[in-house]
Protein backbone atom coordinates (compact mmCIF):
# COMPACT_ATOMS: atom_id res chain seq x y z
CA MET A 1 101.60 66.26 96.34
CA ARG A 2 99.33 68.34 93.31
CA SER A 3 100.16 68.57 89.75
CA PRO A 4 102.16 72.52 89.38
CA PHE A 5 100.66 71.86 85.69
CA PRO A 6 97.69 75.25 84.85
CA PRO A 7 94.25 73.81 83.86
CA VAL A 8 93.67 73.15 80.45
CA SER A 9 91.30 74.88 77.65
CA PRO A 10 89.23 72.84 75.35
CA VAL A 11 89.25 74.94 72.61
CA GLN A 12 89.97 74.14 69.36
CA SER A 13 91.79 75.47 65.99
CA GLY A 14 90.62 74.90 62.86
CA PHE A 15 93.11 76.77 61.11
CA LEU A 16 94.94 73.65 59.57
CA ILE A 17 97.17 73.55 56.08
CA HIS A 18 98.99 69.93 54.96
CA VAL A 19 102.43 69.50 55.58
CA GLN A 20 104.48 66.78 55.35
CA TYR A 21 106.97 65.43 58.08
CA PRO A 22 109.23 62.39 59.00
CA SER A 23 107.32 59.75 60.72
CA ARG A 24 108.89 59.89 64.37
CA ARG A 25 109.71 56.82 66.88
CA CYS A 26 108.57 58.98 70.45
CA GLY A 27 109.60 57.22 73.55
CA GLU A 28 105.95 58.84 75.09
CA VAL A 29 102.86 60.78 73.69
CA PHE A 30 100.22 62.94 75.35
CA VAL A 31 98.19 65.09 74.03
CA THR A 32 95.45 67.79 75.36
CA ARG A 33 94.05 70.69 74.16
CA THR A 34 95.25 74.40 75.60
CA LEU A 35 94.69 78.20 74.20
CA ALA A 36 92.98 77.42 70.80
CA THR A 37 95.31 75.13 69.33
CA CYS A 38 95.96 71.06 70.22
CA LEU A 39 99.03 70.48 72.72
CA CYS A 40 100.57 67.34 72.30
CA PHE A 41 103.84 65.83 74.54
CA VAL A 42 106.18 63.46 73.34
CA LEU A 43 109.50 61.70 74.26
CA ALA A 44 112.94 60.88 71.93
CA ILE A 45 112.02 62.42 68.54
CA GLY A 46 114.11 60.57 66.29
CA GLY A 47 113.50 59.32 62.56
CA PRO A 48 111.74 56.81 61.11
CA GLY A 49 111.22 53.82 62.69
CA PRO A 50 109.97 50.37 61.55
CA THR A 51 106.75 48.70 60.85
CA LEU A 52 106.08 46.33 63.80
CA ALA A 53 103.30 44.48 62.69
CA GLN A 54 104.79 41.00 61.31
CA GLU A 55 108.39 40.27 62.27
CA ASN A 56 111.44 40.64 59.55
CA SER A 57 114.13 38.59 59.52
CA ASP A 58 117.02 41.64 59.17
CA ARG A 59 115.25 43.18 62.28
CA THR A 60 117.05 42.47 65.80
CA PRO A 61 114.44 39.38 67.67
CA PHE A 62 112.23 41.48 70.58
CA PRO A 63 112.59 41.10 73.55
CA ALA A 64 116.96 40.51 73.40
CA GLN A 65 116.97 36.69 74.83
CA ALA A 66 118.61 38.17 78.45
CA PHE A 67 114.63 40.00 78.99
CA ARG A 68 112.18 36.79 78.07
CA SER A 69 111.94 36.08 81.71
CA GLN A 70 109.43 38.95 82.30
CA PRO A 71 106.12 40.29 79.45
CA GLN A 72 107.97 42.83 76.96
CA TRP A 73 105.66 45.42 74.81
CA ARG A 74 107.61 47.40 72.15
CA THR A 75 105.64 50.29 70.68
CA GLY A 76 106.03 51.76 66.74
CA SER A 77 105.74 55.75 66.53
CA ARG A 78 103.87 57.27 69.21
CA LEU A 79 103.67 60.57 67.71
CA LEU A 80 101.07 60.36 64.59
CA LYS A 81 98.82 62.05 61.97
CA VAL A 82 95.15 61.54 62.44
CA GLY A 83 94.96 58.85 59.31
CA GLU A 84 98.49 56.96 60.28
CA SER A 85 98.96 53.87 62.49
CA ILE A 86 100.47 52.72 65.96
CA ALA A 87 101.60 49.01 66.35
CA PHE A 88 102.30 47.29 69.17
CA GLU A 89 103.92 43.52 69.80
CA PHE A 90 103.61 41.70 72.51
CA PHE A 91 105.70 39.16 74.43
CA VAL A 92 104.82 36.56 77.53
CA PRO A 93 106.66 33.70 78.62
CA GLU A 94 105.76 30.24 79.39
CA GLY A 95 103.73 30.53 82.51
CA ILE A 96 102.05 33.74 82.26
CA ARG A 97 98.40 34.74 81.18
CA ALA A 98 98.19 38.15 79.59
CA GLY A 99 94.84 39.62 78.96
CA ASP A 100 93.92 42.20 75.71
CA VAL A 101 95.27 45.77 75.12
CA TRP A 102 92.64 48.77 76.02
CA ILE A 103 92.47 52.00 74.35
CA PHE A 104 91.63 54.84 75.90
CA SER A 105 91.19 57.70 74.15
CA GLN A 106 90.95 61.08 74.00
CA TYR A 107 91.29 59.96 77.90
CA LEU A 108 92.86 63.50 79.08
CA GLU A 109 90.56 65.47 77.24
CA ARG A 110 87.63 63.49 78.43
CA ALA A 111 88.52 62.67 82.05
CA LYS A 112 90.37 66.08 82.72
CA ALA A 113 93.41 64.77 84.31
CA MET A 114 94.87 67.65 85.43
CA ASP A 115 92.14 67.88 88.19
CA LEU A 116 92.35 64.03 89.33
CA ALA A 117 95.88 63.28 89.13
CA GLU A 118 98.20 63.53 91.31
CA THR A 119 102.28 63.60 90.71
CA GLY A 120 103.49 60.51 91.90
CA GLY A 121 100.19 59.30 91.81
CA GLN A 122 98.16 56.12 90.23
CA PHE A 123 95.66 56.03 87.45
CA ASP A 124 92.69 55.68 89.43
CA TRP A 125 90.84 58.43 87.38
CA LEU A 126 90.52 56.39 84.57
CA ALA A 127 88.33 53.76 85.52
CA SER A 128 85.77 56.60 85.37
CA LEU A 129 86.70 56.39 81.30
CA SER A 130 85.19 53.70 79.04
CA PRO A 131 87.75 52.07 76.87
CA GLU A 132 88.56 50.48 73.54
CA ARG A 133 88.85 46.61 74.35
CA ILE A 134 91.21 45.33 71.46
CA GLU A 135 91.62 41.44 71.94
CA LEU A 136 95.09 39.78 70.93
CA ARG A 137 95.67 36.18 69.80
CA TYR A 138 98.87 34.67 71.28
CA VAL A 139 100.80 32.56 69.42
CA GLY A 140 103.78 31.07 70.69
CA GLY A 141 103.71 34.05 73.86
CA ARG A 142 103.98 36.70 71.32
CA ALA A 143 101.02 38.65 70.02
CA ALA A 144 100.91 42.06 67.53
CA ILE A 145 98.28 44.30 66.30
CA THR A 146 98.25 48.24 64.84
CA TYR A 147 96.10 50.90 65.47
CA ALA A 148 94.07 53.90 63.77
CA PRO A 149 93.37 56.81 65.66
CA ARG A 150 89.69 58.05 64.43
CA LYS A 151 89.91 61.18 65.54
CA PRO A 152 92.84 63.67 67.23
CA GLY A 153 93.91 63.94 71.04
CA SER A 154 95.37 62.08 73.74
CA TYR A 155 95.47 58.20 73.13
CA LEU A 156 96.72 55.35 76.56
CA ALA A 157 97.13 52.09 76.18
CA ARG A 158 97.18 50.00 78.71
CA TRP A 159 98.10 46.00 78.99
CA GLN A 160 97.85 43.40 81.95
CA ALA A 161 99.99 40.45 81.96
CA GLY A 162 100.03 38.29 84.73
CA ASN A 163 100.26 40.54 88.83
CA GLU A 164 101.75 43.72 86.13
CA THR A 165 100.32 46.95 84.86
CA PHE A 166 101.88 48.85 81.85
CA TYR A 167 100.83 51.61 79.78
CA ARG A 168 101.90 53.68 76.68
CA TYR A 169 101.08 56.88 75.89
CA PHE A 170 100.61 58.37 72.27
CA SER A 171 98.37 60.38 70.33
CA ALA A 172 97.11 61.96 66.90
CA ILE A 173 97.34 65.22 65.98
CA GLN A 174 97.00 68.13 62.73
CA ASP A 175 99.49 70.18 61.51
CA ASP A 176 98.71 73.26 63.92
CA TRP A 177 99.23 71.50 67.08
CA ILE A 178 102.30 72.46 69.77
CA VAL A 179 104.30 69.45 70.26
CA LEU A 180 106.18 69.34 73.56
CA CYS A 181 108.93 66.86 74.45
CA PRO A 182 109.75 67.16 78.80
CA SER A 183 113.07 65.82 79.94
CA THR A 184 114.22 66.23 83.54
CA PHE A 185 117.00 69.09 84.30
CA VAL A 186 119.49 69.54 86.68
CA ASP A 187 119.38 66.43 88.39
CA LEU A 188 119.14 63.04 86.23
CA GLU A 189 116.33 62.09 88.23
CA ALA A 190 113.10 63.92 88.86
CA GLU A 191 110.84 63.26 91.63
CA PRO A 192 108.05 62.92 91.79
CA THR A 193 107.35 61.41 88.62
CA LEU A 194 104.53 62.42 86.19
CA HIS A 195 103.44 59.42 84.93
CA ALA A 196 99.96 59.32 86.61
CA THR A 197 99.33 62.85 85.05
CA GLY A 198 99.34 61.42 81.43
CA ILE A 199 102.42 63.69 80.85
CA PRO A 200 105.86 61.73 80.12
CA LEU A 201 109.49 62.20 80.42
CA ASP A 202 112.46 61.54 79.11
CA TYR A 203 115.45 60.65 81.05
CA ARG A 204 118.90 60.77 80.13
CA LEU A 205 121.97 59.25 81.81
CA PRO A 206 125.72 59.41 81.50
CA VAL A 207 126.96 55.58 79.05
CA GLU A 208 129.14 54.81 81.40
CA ARG A 209 126.45 54.06 84.33
CA PHE A 210 124.52 51.65 81.84
CA ASP A 211 125.46 49.04 84.15
CA PRO A 212 123.36 46.37 85.95
CA GLN A 213 124.77 47.47 89.31
CA ASP A 214 123.94 50.74 89.09
CA ALA A 215 120.62 51.49 90.92
CA LEU A 216 119.61 54.56 89.12
CA PHE A 217 119.80 52.36 85.43
CA ARG A 218 117.37 49.33 87.19
CA LYS A 219 115.04 52.24 87.91
CA PHE A 220 114.89 53.87 84.19
CA VAL A 221 115.05 50.67 82.35
CA GLY A 222 111.49 49.85 85.13
CA TYR A 223 110.51 53.02 83.84
CA GLN A 224 110.58 52.14 80.25
CA ARG A 225 109.59 48.70 80.63
CA ARG A 226 106.46 50.03 82.25
CA PHE A 227 105.76 53.14 80.87
CA GLY A 228 107.88 53.49 77.53
CA ASP A 229 109.64 56.33 79.28
CA ALA A 230 112.40 57.27 76.98
CA LEU A 231 116.33 56.51 78.22
CA ILE A 232 118.95 58.12 75.86
CA PRO A 233 122.46 57.49 76.57
CA HIS A 234 124.60 60.59 77.21
CA PHE A 235 127.58 60.55 75.65
CA PRO A 236 130.81 63.52 76.47
CA ASP A 237 131.48 66.02 73.90
CA THR A 238 134.72 64.95 71.56
CA PRO A 239 135.74 67.90 69.57
CA ASN A 240 139.28 66.67 69.63
CA LEU A 241 138.57 62.98 68.88
CA THR A 242 138.94 61.86 65.13
CA ALA A 243 136.31 60.51 63.22
CA ASP A 244 136.99 57.18 63.97
CA GLU A 245 138.29 57.92 67.19
CA ARG A 246 134.22 59.65 67.82
CA VAL A 247 132.76 56.23 66.21
CA LYS A 248 134.64 53.77 68.05
CA GLN A 249 134.33 55.58 71.70
CA TYR A 250 130.49 55.94 70.61
CA GLY A 251 129.85 53.05 69.47
CA GLU A 252 131.45 50.85 72.13
CA GLY A 253 128.86 53.10 74.37
CA LEU A 254 125.98 52.23 72.37
CA ARG A 255 126.98 48.30 72.06
CA ARG A 256 126.55 48.66 76.15
CA ALA A 257 123.37 50.14 76.35
CA ARG A 258 121.79 48.12 73.17
CA SER A 259 122.68 45.05 75.36
CA LEU A 260 120.98 46.66 78.18
CA VAL A 261 117.58 47.09 77.37
CA PRO A 262 115.12 44.91 76.14
CA ASP A 263 114.85 45.82 72.58
CA PRO A 264 117.60 47.12 71.18
CA GLN A 265 116.94 49.39 68.60
CA GLU A 266 114.87 51.35 71.31
CA VAL A 267 118.31 52.97 71.55
CA ARG A 268 118.14 54.94 68.78
CA SER A 269 118.78 58.56 70.26
CA ALA A 270 122.31 60.27 71.71
CA ARG A 271 122.71 63.12 73.12
CA VAL A 272 125.80 65.49 73.40
CA GLU A 273 125.18 68.78 74.55
CA MET A 274 128.31 70.79 72.01
CA HIS A 275 130.45 72.87 73.90
CA HIS A 276 132.24 74.53 71.59
CA GLU A 277 132.00 76.60 67.31
CA LEU A 278 132.92 73.83 65.01
CA ASP A 279 130.98 70.27 64.24
CA PRO A 280 133.48 67.81 64.44
CA GLY A 281 131.19 66.00 62.64
CA TYR A 282 128.71 64.52 64.95
CA THR A 283 126.42 63.78 62.54
CA ARG A 284 128.08 61.73 60.21
CA THR A 285 128.83 59.55 63.06
CA PHE A 286 124.91 58.87 64.25
CA GLN A 287 124.07 57.89 60.67
CA GLN A 288 126.84 55.67 60.96
CA LEU A 289 125.95 54.19 64.77
CA GLY A 290 122.00 54.56 63.80
CA VAL A 291 121.30 57.17 65.79
CA ASN A 292 118.53 59.08 64.24
CA ASP A 293 118.23 61.55 66.75
CA HIS A 294 120.54 64.10 68.19
CA CYS A 295 119.43 65.87 71.33
CA GLY A 296 121.54 68.01 73.36
CA LEU A 297 122.79 70.77 71.31
CA ASN A 298 123.18 74.00 72.62
CA GLU A 299 121.57 77.46 71.07
CA ALA A 300 124.43 79.41 72.40
CA ASN A 301 126.92 77.96 69.97
CA ALA A 302 124.71 78.69 67.27
CA LYS A 303 126.14 82.49 65.99
CA PRO A 304 122.65 83.84 64.48
CA TRP A 305 124.04 83.40 60.52
CA LEU A 306 124.04 79.89 60.94
CA GLY A 307 120.36 79.87 61.34
CA MET A 308 119.94 77.06 63.66
CA PRO A 309 116.01 75.98 64.27
CA GLU A 310 114.74 76.32 67.09
CA PHE A 311 112.28 72.96 66.08
CA PRO A 312 113.74 69.35 65.35
CA TYR A 313 114.92 68.98 61.95
CA PHE A 314 117.28 66.63 59.95
CA ALA A 315 120.21 67.78 60.29
CA SER A 316 123.44 68.58 57.88
CA PRO A 317 126.12 66.00 57.52
CA GLU A 318 128.20 69.11 57.62
CA ASP A 319 127.06 70.65 60.35
CA CYS A 320 124.64 69.10 62.93
CA ARG A 321 123.38 73.03 63.31
CA LYS A 322 122.21 73.58 60.05
CA VAL A 323 119.49 71.64 58.17
CA HIS A 324 120.03 68.46 55.66
CA GLN A 325 119.41 69.73 52.21
CA GLY A 326 119.02 66.46 50.18
CA GLU A 327 116.02 64.43 49.94
CA ASN A 328 117.88 61.62 52.34
CA GLY A 329 118.38 62.66 56.27
CA THR A 330 118.12 60.20 58.61
CA VAL A 331 119.81 62.02 62.22
CA MET A 332 117.12 64.84 63.06
CA ALA A 333 118.60 67.55 65.74
CA HIS A 334 117.41 69.57 68.33
CA GLN A 335 117.99 71.62 71.22
CA TRP A 336 118.13 70.43 74.52
CA ASP A 337 116.04 72.53 76.33
CA PHE A 338 112.64 75.54 75.98
CA CYS A 339 113.64 76.94 72.65
CA GLY A 340 109.82 76.68 70.87
CA GLY A 341 110.53 81.07 70.51
CA TRP A 342 111.12 83.88 72.59
CA HIS A 343 110.04 82.76 75.62
CA PHE A 344 110.60 79.39 77.35
CA LEU A 345 108.28 76.68 79.35
CA GLY A 346 110.01 75.54 82.09
CA PRO A 347 111.53 74.97 84.54
CA VAL A 348 109.17 74.82 86.76
CA SER A 349 110.77 76.46 89.43
CA TRP A 350 112.66 79.12 87.25
CA HIS A 351 108.92 80.39 86.53
CA TYR A 352 108.25 79.65 91.01
CA LYS A 353 111.46 81.51 92.09
CA ALA A 354 110.95 84.08 89.53
CA SER A 355 107.41 85.08 90.98
CA ALA A 356 108.84 84.30 94.63
CA GLY A 357 106.92 81.35 95.19
CA ASP A 358 103.73 82.67 93.81
CA TRP A 359 102.22 79.67 91.60
CA LYS A 360 99.44 82.53 89.48
CA GLN A 361 102.49 85.19 88.59
CA ALA A 362 104.36 81.61 87.50
CA GLU A 363 101.51 80.80 85.38
CA ARG A 364 101.21 84.03 84.03
CA CYS A 365 105.01 83.32 82.26
CA VAL A 366 103.89 79.88 81.05
CA ARG A 367 101.01 80.60 79.71
CA ALA A 368 102.85 83.57 77.43
CA GLY A 369 104.91 81.39 76.36
CA MET A 370 101.83 78.81 75.54
CA LEU A 371 100.30 81.84 73.44
CA GLU A 372 103.36 82.47 71.51
CA LEU A 373 103.41 78.12 70.71
CA LYS A 374 100.29 78.40 69.41
CA ASN A 375 100.69 81.71 67.71
CA LEU A 376 103.76 79.67 65.99
CA ALA A 377 101.67 76.66 65.12
CA GLU A 378 98.46 78.06 63.32
CA LEU A 379 100.48 80.85 61.18
CA SER A 380 103.24 78.49 60.41
CA GLY A 381 100.61 75.64 59.49
CA HIS A 382 103.40 72.90 61.27
CA PRO A 383 103.18 71.26 64.14
CA ALA A 384 105.13 74.13 67.43
CA PHE A 385 107.75 72.31 68.69
CA VAL A 386 109.35 72.93 72.47
CA PHE A 387 111.51 70.95 74.67
CA PRO A 388 110.68 71.84 78.24
CA LEU A 389 112.38 71.06 81.50
CA TYR A 390 111.10 69.37 84.24
CA ASP A 391 113.17 69.34 87.90
CA GLY A 392 110.80 68.17 90.44
CA LEU A 393 109.29 69.90 93.43
CA VAL A 394 110.80 68.80 96.59
CA GLY A 395 109.87 70.08 99.68
CA PRO A 396 106.77 69.81 101.86
CA GLY A 397 103.38 72.54 101.70
CA TYR A 398 104.32 73.37 98.14
CA PRO A 399 103.36 76.02 97.09
CA ASN A 400 105.19 77.61 99.96
CA PRO A 401 107.46 80.89 100.11
CA ALA A 402 110.11 79.38 101.76
CA PHE A 403 110.29 76.79 98.68
CA ARG A 404 113.29 74.87 98.11
CA TYR A 405 114.83 72.70 95.13
CA LYS A 406 117.56 70.89 94.44
CA PHE A 407 120.35 72.60 92.13
CA GLY A 408 123.85 72.50 91.33
CA GLU A 409 126.71 75.52 92.11
CA PRO A 410 126.22 78.04 90.47
CA ARG A 411 128.30 79.42 88.05
CA ALA A 412 129.42 83.27 88.39
CA PHE A 413 131.09 85.58 86.04
CA ARG A 414 134.46 85.85 84.90
CA GLY A 415 135.48 89.37 83.42
CA ARG A 416 134.76 93.36 83.31
CA ILE A 417 131.89 94.34 84.40
CA ASP A 418 130.09 98.39 83.81
CA GLU A 419 127.44 100.73 83.84
CA VAL A 420 124.78 98.26 85.56
CA PHE A 421 121.09 99.94 86.19
CA ILE A 422 117.95 98.37 87.09
CA CYS A 423 114.83 100.09 86.04
CA GLU A 424 111.13 99.76 87.37
CA ARG A 425 109.46 100.49 83.66
CA ALA A 426 110.16 99.63 79.92
CA LEU A 427 112.86 102.44 79.12
CA SER A 428 112.01 104.37 75.97
CA GLU A 429 114.47 104.10 72.74
CA ALA A 430 115.66 107.73 74.01
CA GLU A 431 116.36 106.52 77.69
CA ILE A 432 118.43 103.56 76.22
CA ALA A 433 120.44 105.58 73.94
CA LEU A 434 121.13 107.59 76.82
CA ALA A 435 121.94 105.09 78.70
CA MET A 436 124.80 104.29 76.11
CA ARG A 437 125.45 107.39 75.54
CA GLU A 438 126.50 108.67 78.62
CA GLY A 439 125.95 106.17 81.60
CA ALA A 440 123.77 104.61 84.09
CA ALA A 441 123.35 107.30 86.21
CA ARG A 442 122.23 109.32 82.88
CA ILE A 443 118.60 107.16 83.35
CA PRO A 444 116.75 109.36 85.12
CA ARG A 445 113.81 107.44 87.60
CA SER A 446 116.35 104.45 88.13
CA LEU A 447 115.81 101.51 91.08
CA LEU A 448 120.13 101.31 91.07
CA ALA A 449 122.58 102.98 89.11
CA TRP A 450 126.54 102.20 89.40
CA SER A 451 128.29 103.90 87.09
CA CYS A 452 132.22 101.86 88.63
CA ASP A 453 133.94 104.58 87.66
CA GLU A 454 135.51 104.95 91.48
CA GLY A 455 138.49 103.50 90.18
CA GLN A 456 139.31 103.57 94.74
CA GLY A 457 137.83 101.60 97.73
CA GLU A 458 135.27 98.32 97.76
CA VAL A 459 131.78 100.60 97.03
CA ALA A 460 130.25 101.34 93.88
CA HIS A 461 128.16 103.90 94.70
CA ASP A 462 124.57 104.40 93.24
CA PHE A 463 123.78 107.05 91.34
CA SER A 464 120.06 106.90 91.64
CA GLY A 465 119.60 108.52 94.60
CA GLN A 466 118.00 105.21 96.11
CA ASN A 467 121.93 104.77 98.77
CA ARG A 468 121.63 100.82 96.60
CA HIS A 469 125.23 100.46 96.84
CA GLY A 470 127.40 98.31 95.58
CA ARG A 471 129.35 95.87 98.30
CA PHE A 472 132.72 93.98 97.31
CA VAL A 473 132.81 90.53 98.20
CA GLY A 474 135.77 88.49 97.10
CA ARG A 475 138.38 90.49 95.47
CA PRO A 476 137.28 92.61 92.51
CA GLN A 477 139.46 94.10 90.96
CA TRP A 478 140.01 97.92 89.70
CA ALA A 479 139.52 97.30 85.52
CA ALA A 480 139.18 100.35 82.07
CA GLY A 481 135.70 100.55 81.13
CA ARG A 482 133.40 101.59 78.23
CA LEU A 483 133.30 104.89 79.91
CA GLY A 484 135.64 105.14 82.08
CA ARG A 485 136.36 102.68 84.51
CA ALA A 486 134.73 99.28 85.64
CA LEU A 487 134.84 96.48 87.62
CA SER A 488 137.05 92.58 86.77
CA LEU A 489 135.00 89.69 88.40
CA ASP A 490 137.80 86.72 88.21
CA GLY A 491 134.61 83.89 87.86
CA GLU A 492 135.17 82.58 91.52
CA ASP A 493 134.07 84.12 94.45
CA ASP A 494 133.56 87.77 93.57
CA ALA A 495 130.75 89.55 93.50
CA LEU A 496 129.04 93.13 93.57
CA VAL A 497 126.05 92.75 96.25
CA ALA A 498 123.40 95.14 97.44
CA ASP A 499 122.51 93.82 100.28
CA VAL A 500 118.34 95.06 99.50
CA VAL A 501 115.44 93.58 97.64
CA LEU A 502 114.37 95.20 95.02
CA PRO A 503 110.66 96.54 94.49
CA LEU A 504 109.98 95.30 90.69
CA ARG A 505 106.57 94.70 90.33
CA GLY A 506 105.21 94.40 86.60
CA ASP A 507 107.47 96.16 83.65
CA PHE A 508 110.74 96.55 84.37
CA THR A 509 114.51 97.38 82.49
CA ILE A 510 118.27 95.82 83.28
CA GLY A 511 121.31 96.43 81.70
CA CYS A 512 124.73 96.40 82.02
CA TRP A 513 128.18 96.32 79.72
CA VAL A 514 129.93 93.71 79.84
CA SER A 515 133.44 92.04 78.86
CA PRO A 516 132.99 88.50 79.22
CA GLY A 517 137.25 87.42 80.12
CA ARG A 518 138.99 84.39 78.90
CA GLY A 519 137.66 80.83 79.80
CA GLN A 520 134.03 82.16 80.43
CA ARG A 521 131.79 78.97 80.91
CA SER A 522 128.33 78.94 79.96
CA TYR A 523 125.07 79.96 81.10
CA ALA A 524 127.00 82.00 84.35
CA ASN A 525 125.13 84.03 86.27
CA LEU A 526 125.53 88.07 85.63
CA LEU A 527 122.76 89.71 87.29
CA SER A 528 120.43 87.63 89.96
CA SER A 529 118.38 88.09 92.97
CA HIS A 530 117.76 85.35 95.79
CA ASN A 531 121.54 85.94 96.55
CA ASP A 532 123.42 85.04 100.15
CA ASP A 533 125.71 87.64 102.39
CA GLN A 534 128.18 86.48 100.02
CA GLY A 535 127.23 87.07 96.57
CA GLN A 536 126.64 83.28 96.50
CA ASN A 537 123.51 82.98 93.81
CA HIS A 538 121.40 79.75 95.00
CA ARG A 539 118.58 79.56 91.63
CA GLY A 540 116.11 79.26 94.49
CA SER A 541 117.91 76.28 96.23
CA ARG A 542 118.14 76.13 100.37
CA TRP A 543 116.58 79.43 99.83
CA SER A 544 114.57 80.37 103.21
CA LYS A 545 113.52 83.35 104.90
CA THR A 546 115.03 82.52 107.93
CA ARG A 547 118.61 81.77 106.43
CA ILE A 548 119.26 84.02 103.14
CA THR A 549 118.56 87.55 102.39
CA PRO A 550 117.84 88.12 98.92
CA THR A 551 119.19 90.63 97.29
CA ALA A 552 120.90 91.92 94.54
CA SER A 553 123.95 91.00 92.82
CA ILE A 554 126.29 91.05 89.81
């Protein structure tokens, strides 16, 4: 299966302003160049990491005793500025022969890996590159080195121990680079993996599944050991616990997680998704527990006046969504997905679904996001950070119009809806003002216009003249609306469905008036396509031309 990511351009920007930013411990790093600026993939952005060139007495012994029957590789901060060094430490059990470490500098730029690599494949394409050999001198089964990249770009280190081969991605960047931190999307594991493409992933796993008997946990630990993938414990949101109760609960989970990996110091990231408006004290909790990276925040929690950044930042002890105002921040926080600016860079299925299975159209959306990040990096003078999500590609024959994805159940909207319209053009300010003042039925040349003013029956009539009437599914109720009547949906199985495919091409405008009900879930489907005849939106999953009729619904 070929990689779904677009080819890259070998053009580099010359715009550079020196800025200071903290040393970060990263699970993995990948770098290539694209769109006249430089692009870097990283994993598990965290706080400052220790120097690994020599053993310090106050550090946890590496590897943990339970993991000394296998070769192990510890790696320092993998996102570097040019001039900084990366530190490696190696452990080899008695009786196993190990060699030197080989560094492939600018390996993606030189090999054009996006044209050669296959998802789930091997690193066979590395054979075309000439690496740099770094001698390792083992004393008591241990060796340690530091390496300073001489040029910015993508770097890959390879080490052979016994019959196993290990890899570590890292990068050296300058201030006008784009930093991507990919992670898995809906499923905990995205297949196929991207290891052989040179694009790393981080993984999160519910902390209760950090269990040697759990098959997925064992697989993720294997990924971490061989490729350096981040394995991040995912903790429940705990708004109702006291500070002491939260420290106790999270602390017990972290102790278990750290005891089950070769290097306990690797577990310094934690994921907590916050689904409420007040921070109960997460930053202070993580400070006490030695966590340097708080990932999983949702931008929907942040009111505009909070000013929650769209990039990694040192979090305030008072509110994890605010920037720390002091000099000694220790916990970095960031959102969990694709928020570097207005556009987003994933997951691939969302672009691919929106383009009806046409990757050329999906690629336009991805490139628009990259162009915006390029502008952000060049204009700000510091790296632009974004967190794209990868959901894997499943099913034969990609790309295929009858594409399939594995997703969780959709979430329906609960509340009142009114004045629904869809137009195949970008409305002018005057037309938008008209719609807001007089309703959807007054918009000229619309594709669909439901005023929802009938007040009785089970049909919302289309006032666009296109006869795309809305059919009731479930038991929507008539209710008071913005200009007249409206429809109230129960958030379970109620929907309003147009049993036609809307011919949207190019510019378009969609709009409606909504009043969310009590208990409304986040990320509910409001206006959507690719629905079945019962109004259930499958977000691309299980959709085929023979099974489901694409419709528009609300």
